[in-house]
Amino acid sequence: MLERTNSPDLFLLLVAGYLVRTHLLFVFRASSELQTELEKIKSLMIPSYMIELRKLLLEPPELHSFCLVTESLSSCS
């Protein structure tokens, strides 16, 4: 009689273990794909950031907008 009551419990334990294993495998694969995609995005962002930083450092600042503001203030007074 004891063997019959343990058999359904063992079956449920095996099914639960299989479901947990499958779920963990799915989560691992999804996180691996997400990490790969984030690495691709990171590699695209860094060069564009460096290019814009070089542009800002190499080009002199434009004073047109500042001149327009000062001219409008001087004409108003």
N, C-alpha and C. Protein backbone atom coordinates (compact mmCIF):
# COMPACT_ATOMS: atom_id res chain seq x y z
N MET A 1 0.81 -1.19 0.00
CA MET A 1 0.00 0.00 0.00
C MET A 1 0.86 1.26 0.00
N LEU A 2 1.99 1.25 0.69
CA LEU A 2 2.85 2.42 0.73
C LEU A 2 3.43 2.75 -0.64
N GLU A 3 3.69 1.74 -1.43
CA GLU A 3 4.26 1.98 -2.75
C GLU A 3 3.27 2.69 -3.66
N ARG A 4 2.02 2.41 -3.53
CA ARG A 4 1.00 3.06 -4.36
C ARG A 4 0.85 4.55 -4.01
N THR A 5 0.94 4.93 -2.77
CA THR A 5 0.80 6.34 -2.40
C THR A 5 2.04 7.13 -2.77
N ASN A 6 3.21 6.52 -2.79
CA ASN A 6 4.43 7.21 -3.16
C ASN A 6 4.54 7.41 -4.67
N SER A 7 3.92 6.55 -5.45
CA SER A 7 4.01 6.62 -6.90
C SER A 7 3.44 7.93 -7.46
N PRO A 8 2.24 8.37 -7.05
CA PRO A 8 1.75 9.67 -7.56
C PRO A 8 2.60 10.84 -7.10
N ASP A 9 3.10 10.75 -5.86
CA ASP A 9 3.96 11.82 -5.36
C ASP A 9 5.24 11.91 -6.17
N LEU A 10 5.81 10.76 -6.49
CA LEU A 10 7.03 10.73 -7.29
C LEU A 10 6.76 11.28 -8.69
N PHE A 11 5.64 10.92 -9.26
CA PHE A 11 5.28 11.42 -10.58
C PHE A 11 5.12 12.95 -10.58
N LEU A 12 4.43 13.47 -9.57
CA LEU A 12 4.26 14.92 -9.47
C LEU A 12 5.60 15.63 -9.25
N LEU A 13 6.47 15.02 -8.49
CA LEU A 13 7.79 15.58 -8.26
C LEU A 13 8.60 15.62 -9.56
N LEU A 14 8.53 14.57 -10.34
CA LEU A 14 9.24 14.54 -11.63
C LEU A 14 8.68 15.58 -12.60
N VAL A 15 7.36 15.72 -12.64
CA VAL A 15 6.74 16.71 -13.52
C VAL A 15 7.11 18.12 -13.08
N ALA A 16 7.08 18.38 -11.79
CA ALA A 16 7.44 19.70 -11.28
C ALA A 16 8.91 20.00 -11.58
N GLY A 17 9.78 19.03 -11.40
CA GLY A 17 11.19 19.22 -11.72
C GLY A 17 11.41 19.51 -13.19
N TYR A 18 10.69 18.80 -14.05
CA TYR A 18 10.80 19.04 -15.48
C TYR A 18 10.33 20.46 -15.84
N LEU A 19 9.23 20.89 -15.25
CA LEU A 19 8.72 22.23 -15.54
C LEU A 19 9.67 23.31 -15.05
N VAL A 20 10.24 23.12 -13.88
CA VAL A 20 11.20 24.10 -13.35
C VAL A 20 12.43 24.14 -14.25
N ARG A 21 12.94 22.99 -14.65
CA ARG A 21 14.11 22.93 -15.52
C ARG A 21 13.84 23.62 -16.86
N THR A 22 12.68 23.36 -17.44
CA THR A 22 12.32 23.97 -18.71
C THR A 22 12.20 25.47 -18.58
N HIS A 23 11.60 25.93 -17.50
CA HIS A 23 11.44 27.36 -17.27
C HIS A 23 12.79 28.04 -17.08
N LEU A 24 13.68 27.42 -16.30
CA LEU A 24 15.01 27.99 -16.10
C LEU A 24 15.80 28.04 -17.40
N LEU A 25 15.66 27.03 -18.22
CA LEU A 25 16.33 27.02 -19.53
C LEU A 25 15.82 28.16 -20.40
N PHE A 26 14.52 28.37 -20.40
CA PHE A 26 13.92 29.45 -21.18
C PHE A 26 14.41 30.82 -20.69
N VAL A 27 14.44 31.00 -19.38
CA VAL A 27 14.91 32.28 -18.81
C VAL A 27 16.37 32.51 -19.15
N PHE A 28 17.19 31.48 -19.06
CA PHE A 28 18.61 31.60 -19.38
C PHE A 28 18.81 31.99 -20.84
N ARG A 29 18.08 31.36 -21.74
CA ARG A 29 18.22 31.69 -23.17
C ARG A 29 17.76 33.12 -23.45
N ALA A 30 16.66 33.53 -22.84
CA ALA A 30 16.14 34.88 -23.05
C ALA A 30 17.12 35.92 -22.52
N SER A 31 17.69 35.67 -21.35
CA SER A 31 18.65 36.64 -20.80
C SER A 31 19.92 36.68 -21.62
N SER A 32 20.32 35.57 -22.18
CA SER A 32 21.50 35.54 -23.04
C SER A 32 21.26 36.34 -24.32
N GLU A 33 20.08 36.19 -24.91
CA GLU A 33 19.75 36.96 -26.11
C GLU A 33 19.66 38.45 -25.79
N LEU A 34 19.09 38.79 -24.65
CA LEU A 34 18.98 40.19 -24.25
C LEU A 34 20.36 40.80 -24.04
N GLN A 35 21.25 40.05 -23.42
CA GLN A 35 22.61 40.55 -23.20
C GLN A 35 23.32 40.77 -24.53
N THR A 36 23.12 39.88 -25.49
CA THR A 36 23.73 40.03 -26.82
C THR A 36 23.20 41.28 -27.50
N GLU A 37 21.90 41.51 -27.42
CA GLU A 37 21.31 42.69 -28.04
C GLU A 37 21.81 43.97 -27.37
N LEU A 38 21.94 43.97 -26.05
CA LEU A 38 22.45 45.14 -25.35
C LEU A 38 23.90 45.42 -25.71
N GLU A 39 24.69 44.38 -25.92
CA GLU A 39 26.08 44.58 -26.35
C GLU A 39 26.12 45.21 -27.74
N LYS A 40 25.22 44.80 -28.63
CA LYS A 40 25.16 45.39 -29.97
C LYS A 40 24.81 46.87 -29.88
N ILE A 41 23.83 47.20 -29.06
CA ILE A 41 23.41 48.59 -28.90
C ILE A 41 24.54 49.40 -28.29
N LYS A 42 25.21 48.85 -27.30
CA LYS A 42 26.31 49.54 -26.64
C LYS A 42 27.43 49.84 -27.63
N SER A 43 27.74 48.88 -28.50
CA SER A 43 28.81 49.09 -29.47
C SER A 43 28.42 50.14 -30.50
N LEU A 44 27.14 50.32 -30.75
CA LEU A 44 26.70 51.36 -31.69
C LEU A 44 26.67 52.73 -31.04
N MET A 45 26.37 52.77 -29.75
CA MET A 45 26.25 54.06 -29.07
C MET A 45 27.59 54.70 -28.79
N ILE A 46 28.57 53.96 -28.41
CA ILE A 46 29.85 54.53 -28.00
C ILE A 46 30.54 55.27 -29.14
N PRO A 47 30.65 54.71 -30.36
CA PRO A 47 31.30 55.47 -31.43
C PRO A 47 30.57 56.76 -31.77
N SER A 48 29.26 56.75 -31.79
CA SER A 48 28.53 57.98 -32.12
C SER A 48 28.73 59.03 -31.03
N TYR A 49 28.80 58.58 -29.79
CA TYR A 49 29.05 59.50 -28.68
C TYR A 49 30.43 60.13 -28.82
N MET A 50 31.42 59.33 -29.17
CA MET A 50 32.79 59.83 -29.31
C MET A 50 32.89 60.80 -30.50
N ILE A 51 32.18 60.52 -31.57
CA ILE A 51 32.20 61.41 -32.74
C ILE A 51 31.61 62.76 -32.36
N GLU A 52 30.49 62.77 -31.67
CA GLU A 52 29.88 64.03 -31.26
C GLU A 52 30.76 64.79 -30.27
N LEU A 53 31.41 64.08 -29.39
CA LEU A 53 32.31 64.73 -28.44
C LEU A 53 33.49 65.36 -29.17
N ARG A 54 34.04 64.66 -30.15
CA ARG A 54 35.14 65.24 -30.94
C ARG A 54 34.69 66.47 -31.69
N LYS A 55 33.50 66.44 -32.25
CA LYS A 55 32.97 67.62 -32.95
C LYS A 55 32.88 68.82 -32.01
N LEU A 56 32.39 68.57 -30.81
CA LEU A 56 32.26 69.66 -29.85
C LEU A 56 33.62 70.21 -29.42
N LEU A 57 34.60 69.33 -29.29
CA LEU A 57 35.91 69.77 -28.84
C LEU A 57 36.71 70.46 -29.94
N LEU A 58 36.53 70.04 -31.18
CA LEU A 58 37.34 70.57 -32.27
C LEU A 58 36.76 71.83 -32.89
N GLU A 59 35.46 71.96 -32.90
CA GLU A 59 34.84 73.13 -33.52
C GLU A 59 34.71 74.25 -32.50
N PRO A 60 34.98 75.48 -32.93
CA PRO A 60 34.78 76.60 -32.00
C PRO A 60 33.29 76.81 -31.76
N PRO A 61 32.93 77.28 -30.62
CA PRO A 61 31.50 77.49 -30.35
C PRO A 61 30.95 78.62 -31.22
N GLU A 62 29.73 78.45 -31.64
CA GLU A 62 29.11 79.49 -32.47
C GLU A 62 28.52 80.57 -31.56
N LEU A 63 28.78 81.80 -31.93
CA LEU A 63 28.31 82.91 -31.11
C LEU A 63 27.14 83.64 -31.75
N HIS A 64 26.60 83.10 -32.81
CA HIS A 64 25.51 83.79 -33.51
C HIS A 64 24.31 84.01 -32.60
N SER A 65 23.90 82.99 -31.90
CA SER A 65 22.72 83.15 -31.05
C SER A 65 23.02 84.12 -29.91
N PHE A 66 24.23 84.09 -29.37
CA PHE A 66 24.59 85.01 -28.31
C PHE A 66 24.61 86.45 -28.83
N CYS A 67 25.12 86.65 -30.05
CA CYS A 67 25.18 87.99 -30.63
C CYS A 67 23.77 88.53 -30.89
N LEU A 68 22.90 87.67 -31.35
CA LEU A 68 21.53 88.11 -31.60
C LEU A 68 20.85 88.55 -30.30
N VAL A 69 21.09 87.84 -29.25
CA VAL A 69 20.49 88.18 -27.95
C VAL A 69 21.05 89.51 -27.46
N THR A 70 22.35 89.70 -27.56
CA THR A 70 22.95 90.94 -27.06
C THR A 70 22.55 92.13 -27.92
N GLU A 71 22.41 91.91 -29.24
CA GLU A 71 21.99 92.99 -30.11
C GLU A 71 20.56 93.41 -29.82
N SER A 72 19.71 92.43 -29.58
CA SER A 72 18.30 92.75 -29.28
C SER A 72 18.19 93.46 -27.92
N LEU A 73 19.03 93.09 -26.99
CA LEU A 73 19.01 93.78 -25.69
C LEU A 73 19.54 95.19 -25.80
N SER A 74 20.57 95.38 -26.61
CA SER A 74 21.15 96.72 -26.73
C SER A 74 20.22 97.65 -27.51
N SER A 75 19.46 97.09 -28.47
CA SER A 75 18.54 97.92 -29.23
C SER A 75 17.32 98.31 -28.41
N CYS A 76 16.99 97.49 -27.44
CA CYS A 76 15.82 97.76 -26.60
C CYS A 76 16.10 98.88 -25.60
N SER A 77 17.33 99.05 -25.19
CA SER A 77 17.58 100.03 -24.16
C SER A 77 17.82 101.40 -24.70
